[in-house]
C-alpha cells in the first residue's frame, strides 16, 4: 500500500515472517527476511524496520538485510556509483545498545567483504591482488605482522605443494602469514 499524498507518496511493504520453524532455521527467520529484501533492493531510500523479540533474532535479520547489498558484482548491470543508503531500524523487546549496533555494522561489512572475495573471479583477484588486499586490510592493525612467502621461496621453505600447483601461473603462488601478538602476551608465548 501507499502512504502520503500527492507527489510524496511512499510505497510501504509489510512482510510477515513464517510461523513454522524447523530445526534447520533460526527463530528470527533471516532466510525469509533476505527473500523479502531481495525483491525491494532497487527501491530508493529503503528503510527496513525489524520487529524482533530478541537481540539474537534482530542480529540475524540485520545480517540478512545487509547481505542483499553486495559491494561487488560483474553482472551486466553494474552497481550504481552512488548506491542508495539502506536504513535498518530495530524494534526489539530487549535493550539494543551501541555495542549491538557496532557488532551488526561490523558483521555486515565483513559479510560484504567475504562476498566480494568469493565472487571476484581469479583473473581479477589473482594471487598478487590477494596479497595486496591482505596487506591493505591488516597492515594498520596494532600487534599484527605480515609475512609474504612468494614464488621459488615457497619451495625453498618447504611449501612445495603450493609451489607445484601454482608455478606455471602468470601470477606466482604466494602464502600470506598473518600473526597477531597481543601487547599483554608474554615473550615465550610469542
C-alpha atoms as a PDB file:
ATOM      1  CA  UNK A   1       0.000   0.000   0.000  1.00  0.00           C
ATOM      2  CA  UNK A   2       0.998   3.654  -0.230  1.00  0.00           C
ATOM      3  CA  UNK A   3       1.102   6.409   2.362  1.00  0.00           C
ATOM      4  CA  UNK A   4       1.367  10.164   1.911  1.00  0.00           C
ATOM      5  CA  UNK A   5      -0.334  12.381  -0.606  1.00  0.00           C
ATOM      6  CA  UNK A   6       0.358  13.928  -3.969  1.00  0.00           C
ATOM      7  CA  UNK A   7       3.991  13.867  -5.084  1.00  0.00           C
ATOM      8  CA  UNK A   8       5.203  12.497  -1.741  1.00  0.00           C
ATOM      9  CA  UNK A   9       3.583   9.066  -1.932  1.00  0.00           C
ATOM     10  CA  UNK A  10       5.703   6.343  -0.350  1.00  0.00           C
ATOM     11  CA  UNK A  11       5.406   2.649  -1.046  1.00  0.00           C
ATOM     12  CA  UNK A  12       5.119   0.551   2.118  1.00  0.00           C
ATOM     13  CA  UNK A  13       5.615  -3.198   2.031  1.00  0.00           C
ATOM     14  CA  UNK A  14       4.803  -5.258   5.108  1.00  0.00           C
ATOM     15  CA  UNK A  15       6.290  -8.700   5.437  1.00  0.00           C
ATOM     16  CA  UNK A  16       5.002 -11.346   7.777  1.00  0.00           C
ATOM     17  CA  UNK A  17       7.560 -13.966   8.656  1.00  0.00           C
ATOM     18  CA  UNK A  18       6.556 -17.627   8.588  1.00  0.00           C
ATOM     19  CA  UNK A  19       5.464 -19.028  11.924  1.00  0.00           C
ATOM     20  CA  UNK A  20       6.724 -22.559  11.303  1.00  0.00           C
ATOM     21  CA  UNK A  21      10.293 -23.126  12.389  1.00  0.00           C
ATOM     22  CA  UNK A  22      12.257 -26.248  11.580  1.00  0.00           C
ATOM     23  CA  UNK A  23      15.350 -27.394  13.391  1.00  0.00           C
ATOM     24  CA  UNK A  24      17.398 -26.044  10.494  1.00  0.00           C
ATOM     25  CA  UNK A  25      16.424 -22.396  10.619  1.00  0.00           C
ATOM     26  CA  UNK A  26      16.767 -19.572  13.084  1.00  0.00           C
ATOM     27  CA  UNK A  27      13.931 -18.224  15.213  1.00  0.00           C
ATOM     28  CA  UNK A  28      14.500 -14.834  13.540  1.00  0.00           C
ATOM     29  CA  UNK A  29      13.883 -16.448  10.116  1.00  0.00           C
ATOM     30  CA  UNK A  30      16.631 -14.497   8.333  1.00  0.00           C
ATOM     31  CA  UNK A  31      16.047 -16.512   5.150  1.00  0.00           C
ATOM     32  CA  UNK A  32      12.538 -15.028   4.884  1.00  0.00           C
ATOM     33  CA  UNK A  33      13.822 -11.504   5.626  1.00  0.00           C
ATOM     34  CA  UNK A  34      16.512 -11.977   2.978  1.00  0.00           C
ATOM     35  CA  UNK A  35      13.965 -13.099   0.373  1.00  0.00           C
ATOM     36  CA  UNK A  36      11.699 -10.125   1.106  1.00  0.00           C
ATOM     37  CA  UNK A  37      14.501  -7.549   0.936  1.00  0.00           C
ATOM     38  CA  UNK A  38      15.815  -9.112  -2.283  1.00  0.00           C
ATOM     39  CA  UNK A  39      12.575  -8.098  -4.011  1.00  0.00           C
ATOM     40  CA  UNK A  40      12.910  -4.496  -2.779  1.00  0.00           C
ATOM     41  CA  UNK A  41      16.614  -3.790  -3.139  1.00  0.00           C
ATOM     42  CA  UNK A  42      16.240  -1.438  -6.114  1.00  0.00           C
ATOM     43  CA  UNK A  43      13.930   0.809  -4.091  1.00  0.00           C
ATOM     44  CA  UNK A  44      15.084   4.371  -3.417  1.00  0.00           C
ATOM     45  CA  UNK A  45      15.624   5.269   0.232  1.00  0.00           C
ATOM     46  CA  UNK A  46      14.872   1.830   1.596  1.00  0.00           C
ATOM     47  CA  UNK A  47      14.044   1.661   5.291  1.00  0.00           C
ATOM     48  CA  UNK A  48      13.783  -1.795   6.847  1.00  0.00           C
ATOM     49  CA  UNK A  49      12.074  -1.954  10.223  1.00  0.00           C
ATOM     50  CA  UNK A  50      12.707  -5.184  12.082  1.00  0.00           C
ATOM     51  CA  UNK A  51      10.367  -6.061  14.919  1.00  0.00           C
ATOM     52  CA  UNK A  52      12.283  -8.759  16.772  1.00  0.00           C
ATOM     53  CA  UNK A  53      11.653 -10.496  20.050  1.00  0.00           C
ATOM     54  CA  UNK A  54      15.339 -10.990  20.905  1.00  0.00           C
ATOM     55  CA  UNK A  55      18.636  -9.330  20.043  1.00  0.00           C
ATOM     56  CA  UNK A  56      19.832 -12.634  18.558  1.00  0.00           C
ATOM     57  CA  UNK A  57      16.926 -12.625  16.102  1.00  0.00           C
ATOM     58  CA  UNK A  58      17.500  -8.932  15.343  1.00  0.00           C
ATOM     59  CA  UNK A  59      21.182  -9.647  14.682  1.00  0.00           C
ATOM     60  CA  UNK A  60      20.404 -12.484  12.256  1.00  0.00           C
ATOM     61  CA  UNK A  61      17.724 -10.423  10.493  1.00  0.00           C
ATOM     62  CA  UNK A  62      20.005  -7.373  10.199  1.00  0.00           C
ATOM     63  CA  UNK A  63      22.756  -9.505   8.667  1.00  0.00           C
ATOM     64  CA  UNK A  64      20.204 -10.977   6.246  1.00  0.00           C
ATOM     65  CA  UNK A  65      19.319  -7.452   5.121  1.00  0.00           C
ATOM     66  CA  UNK A  66      22.960  -6.426   4.761  1.00  0.00           C
ATOM     67  CA  UNK A  67      23.957  -9.401   2.645  1.00  0.00           C
ATOM     68  CA  UNK A  68      21.446  -8.408  -0.029  1.00  0.00           C
ATOM     69  CA  UNK A  69      23.591  -5.388  -0.945  1.00  0.00           C
ATOM     70  CA  UNK A  70      26.928  -6.737  -2.215  1.00  0.00           C
ATOM     71  CA  UNK A  71      29.836  -4.365  -2.741  1.00  0.00           C
ATOM     72  CA  UNK A  72      30.960  -6.110  -5.941  1.00  0.00           C
ATOM     73  CA  UNK A  73      29.241  -7.531  -8.993  1.00  0.00           C
ATOM     74  CA  UNK A  74      30.164  -8.432 -12.531  1.00  0.00           C
ATOM     75  CA  UNK A  75      26.589  -8.631 -13.743  1.00  0.00           C
ATOM     76  CA  UNK A  76      25.702  -6.816 -16.957  1.00  0.00           C
ATOM     77  CA  UNK A  77      24.002  -4.133 -14.884  1.00  0.00           C
ATOM     78  CA  UNK A  78      26.779  -2.684 -12.683  1.00  0.00           C
ATOM     79  CA  UNK A  79      26.290  -1.420  -9.158  1.00  0.00           C
ATOM     80  CA  UNK A  80      25.269   2.241  -9.038  1.00  0.00           C
ATOM     81  CA  UNK A  81      28.081   4.726  -8.425  1.00  0.00           C
ATOM     82  CA  UNK A  82      26.078   6.343  -5.637  1.00  0.00           C
ATOM     83  CA  UNK A  83      24.219   3.434  -4.081  1.00  0.00           C
ATOM     84  CA  UNK A  84      21.136   4.114  -2.056  1.00  0.00           C
ATOM     85  CA  UNK A  85      21.523   4.154   1.684  1.00  0.00           C
ATOM     86  CA  UNK A  86      19.614   1.409   3.441  1.00  0.00           C
ATOM     87  CA  UNK A  87      18.431   2.174   6.953  1.00  0.00           C
ATOM     88  CA  UNK A  88      17.840  -0.703   9.336  1.00  0.00           C
ATOM     89  CA  UNK A  89      15.683   0.136  12.335  1.00  0.00           C
ATOM     90  CA  UNK A  90      15.491  -2.492  15.052  1.00  0.00           C
ATOM     91  CA  UNK A  91      12.486  -2.570  17.347  1.00  0.00           C
ATOM     92  CA  UNK A  92      13.302  -5.190  19.942  1.00  0.00           C
ATOM     93  CA  UNK A  93      11.824  -6.224  23.275  1.00  0.00           C
ATOM     94  CA  UNK A  94      15.367  -6.468  24.648  1.00  0.00           C
ATOM     95  CA  UNK A  95      17.654  -3.467  25.021  1.00  0.00           C
ATOM     96  CA  UNK A  96      19.644  -2.596  21.906  1.00  0.00           C
ATOM     97  CA  UNK A  97      22.734  -0.522  22.721  1.00  0.00           C
ATOM     98  CA  UNK A  98      25.681   0.934  20.800  1.00  0.00           C
ATOM     99  CA  UNK A  99      27.706  -2.272  21.127  1.00  0.00           C
ATOM    100  CA  UNK A 100      24.913  -4.136  19.315  1.00  0.00           C
ATOM    101  CA  UNK A 101      24.884  -1.529  16.536  1.00  0.00           C
ATOM    102  CA  UNK A 102      28.692  -1.751  16.228  1.00  0.00           C
ATOM    103  CA  UNK A 103      28.559  -5.552  16.144  1.00  0.00           C
ATOM    104  CA  UNK A 104      25.857  -5.595  13.442  1.00  0.00           C
ATOM    105  CA  UNK A 105      27.605  -2.943  11.332  1.00  0.00           C
ATOM    106  CA  UNK A 106      30.972  -4.686  11.537  1.00  0.00           C
ATOM    107  CA  UNK A 107      29.452  -8.075  10.749  1.00  0.00           C
ATOM    108  CA  UNK A 108      27.606  -6.711   7.710  1.00  0.00           C
ATOM    109  CA  UNK A 109      30.815  -5.070   6.433  1.00  0.00           C
ATOM    110  CA  UNK A 110      32.649  -8.379   6.811  1.00  0.00           C
ATOM    111  CA  UNK A 111      29.840 -10.342   5.132  1.00  0.00           C
ATOM    112  CA  UNK A 112      30.066  -7.968   2.184  1.00  0.00           C
ATOM    113  CA  UNK A 113      33.876  -8.297   2.125  1.00  0.00           C
ATOM    114  CA  UNK A 114      33.585 -12.101   2.098  1.00  0.00           C
ATOM    115  CA  UNK A 115      31.026 -11.873  -0.730  1.00  0.00           C
ATOM    116  CA  UNK A 116      33.403  -9.692  -2.738  1.00  0.00           C
ATOM    117  CA  UNK A 117      36.373 -12.018  -2.189  1.00  0.00           C
ATOM    118  CA  UNK A 118      34.353 -15.099  -3.126  1.00  0.00           C
ATOM    119  CA  UNK A 119      32.548 -13.572  -6.113  1.00  0.00           C
ATOM    120  CA  UNK A 120      35.573 -11.913  -7.732  1.00  0.00           C
ATOM    121  CA  UNK A 121      36.933 -14.227 -10.430  1.00  0.00           C
ATOM    122  CA  UNK A 122      40.580 -15.325 -10.236  1.00  0.00           C
ATOM    123  CA  UNK A 123      41.594 -13.375 -13.318  1.00  0.00           C
ATOM    124  CA  UNK A 124      40.844 -10.208 -11.302  1.00  0.00           C
ATOM    125  CA  UNK A 125      41.569 -11.370  -7.738  1.00  0.00           C
ATOM    126  CA  UNK A 126      44.732 -13.305  -8.573  1.00  0.00           C
ATOM    127  CA  UNK A 127      47.491 -14.011  -6.059  1.00  0.00           C
ATOM    128  CA  UNK A 128      49.188 -10.624  -6.462  1.00  0.00           C
ATOM    129  CA  UNK A 129      45.888  -8.780  -5.913  1.00  0.00           C
ATOM    130  CA  UNK A 130      45.021 -11.032  -2.961  1.00  0.00           C
ATOM    131  CA  UNK A 131      48.397 -10.335  -1.328  1.00  0.00           C
ATOM    132  CA  UNK A 132      47.814  -6.583  -1.781  1.00  0.00           C
ATOM    133  CA  UNK A 133      44.310  -6.947  -0.318  1.00  0.00           C
ATOM    134  CA  UNK A 134      45.695  -8.794   2.721  1.00  0.00           C
ATOM    135  CA  UNK A 135      48.420  -6.239   3.319  1.00  0.00           C
ATOM    136  CA  UNK A 136      45.965  -3.352   2.993  1.00  0.00           C
ATOM    137  CA  UNK A 137      43.484  -4.988   5.382  1.00  0.00           C
ATOM    138  CA  UNK A 138      45.928  -5.997   8.110  1.00  0.00           C
ATOM    139  CA  UNK A 139      48.870  -3.580   7.946  1.00  0.00           C
ATOM    140  CA  UNK A 140      47.066  -0.982  10.049  1.00  0.00           C
ATOM    141  CA  UNK A 141      46.292  -3.329  12.949  1.00  0.00           C
ATOM    142  CA  UNK A 142      48.433  -2.953  16.035  1.00  0.00           C
ATOM    143  CA  UNK A 143      50.309  -6.093  17.030  1.00  0.00           C
ATOM    144  CA  UNK A 144      49.815  -7.692  13.610  1.00  0.00           C
ATOM    145  CA  UNK A 145      52.754  -8.780  11.474  1.00  0.00           C
ATOM    146  CA  UNK A 146      52.527  -9.821   7.855  1.00  0.00           C
ATOM    147  CA  UNK A 147      54.953 -12.155   6.134  1.00  0.00           C
ATOM    148  CA  UNK A 148      54.648 -12.944   2.417  1.00  0.00           C
ATOM    149  CA  UNK A 149      56.305 -16.082   1.055  1.00  0.00           C
ATOM    150  CA  UNK A 150      56.164 -15.965  -2.724  1.00  0.00           C
ATOM    151  CA  UNK A 151      57.473 -17.736  -5.790  1.00  0.00           C
ATOM    152  CA  UNK A 152      60.501 -20.038  -5.505  1.00  0.00           C
ATOM    153  CA  UNK A 153      60.845 -19.111  -1.823  1.00  0.00           C
ATOM    154  CA  UNK A 154      57.791 -21.328  -1.215  1.00  0.00           C
ATOM    155  CA  UNK A 155      59.663 -24.392  -2.438  1.00  0.00           C
ATOM    156  CA  UNK A 156      62.809 -23.453  -0.544  1.00  0.00           C
ATOM    157  CA  UNK A 157      60.863 -23.126   2.734  1.00  0.00           C
ATOM    158  CA  UNK A 158      59.057 -26.452   2.442  1.00  0.00           C
ATOM    159  CA  UNK A 159      55.812 -25.403   0.749  1.00  0.00           C
ATOM    160  CA  UNK A 160      56.393 -27.498  -2.371  1.00  0.00           C
ATOM    161  CA  UNK A 161      52.706 -28.334  -2.782  1.00  0.00           C
ATOM    162  CA  UNK A 162      51.689 -24.689  -3.102  1.00  0.00           C
ATOM    163  CA  UNK A 163      54.673 -24.017  -5.373  1.00  0.00           C
ATOM    164  CA  UNK A 164      53.981 -27.075  -7.545  1.00  0.00           C
ATOM    165  CA  UNK A 165      50.325 -26.206  -8.126  1.00  0.00           C
ATOM    166  CA  UNK A 166      50.866 -22.532  -8.929  1.00  0.00           C
ATOM    167  CA  UNK A 167      54.317 -22.278 -10.520  1.00  0.00           C
ATOM    168  CA  UNK A 168      53.017 -22.222 -14.113  1.00  0.00           C
ATOM    169  CA  UNK A 169      50.631 -19.361 -13.410  1.00  0.00           C
ATOM    170  CA  UNK A 170      51.090 -15.843 -14.749  1.00  0.00           C
ATOM    171  CA  UNK A 171      50.905 -14.668 -11.126  1.00  0.00           C
ATOM    172  CA  UNK A 172      53.220 -16.760  -8.986  1.00  0.00           C
ATOM    173  CA  UNK A 173      51.767 -18.516  -5.936  1.00  0.00           C
ATOM    174  CA  UNK A 174      52.051 -16.828  -2.558  1.00  0.00           C
ATOM    175  CA  UNK A 175      51.430 -17.601   1.077  1.00  0.00           C
ATOM    176  CA  UNK A 176      50.491 -14.726   3.375  1.00  0.00           C
ATOM    177  CA  UNK A 177      51.162 -15.392   7.050  1.00  0.00           C
ATOM    178  CA  UNK A 178      49.271 -13.068   9.381  1.00  0.00           C
ATOM    179  CA  UNK A 179      50.358 -13.138  13.012  1.00  0.00           C
ATOM    180  CA  UNK A 180      48.815 -11.297  15.907  1.00  0.00           C
ATOM    181  CA  UNK A 181      50.697 -10.789  19.150  1.00  0.00           C
ATOM    182  CA  UNK A 182      48.670  -9.049  21.867  1.00  0.00           C
ATOM    183  CA  UNK A 183      50.585  -6.434  23.820  1.00  0.00           C
ATOM    184  CA  UNK A 184      49.870  -8.308  27.070  1.00  0.00           C
ATOM    185  CA  UNK A 185      51.330 -11.622  25.829  1.00  0.00           C
ATOM    186  CA  UNK A 186      54.485 -12.939  27.462  1.00  0.00           C
ATOM    187  CA  UNK A 187      57.596 -13.218  25.275  1.00  0.00           C
ATOM    188  CA  UNK A 188      57.636 -17.045  25.419  1.00  0.00           C
ATOM    189  CA  UNK A 189      54.041 -17.133  24.106  1.00  0.00           C
ATOM    190  CA  UNK A 190      55.004 -15.093  21.042  1.00  0.00           C
END
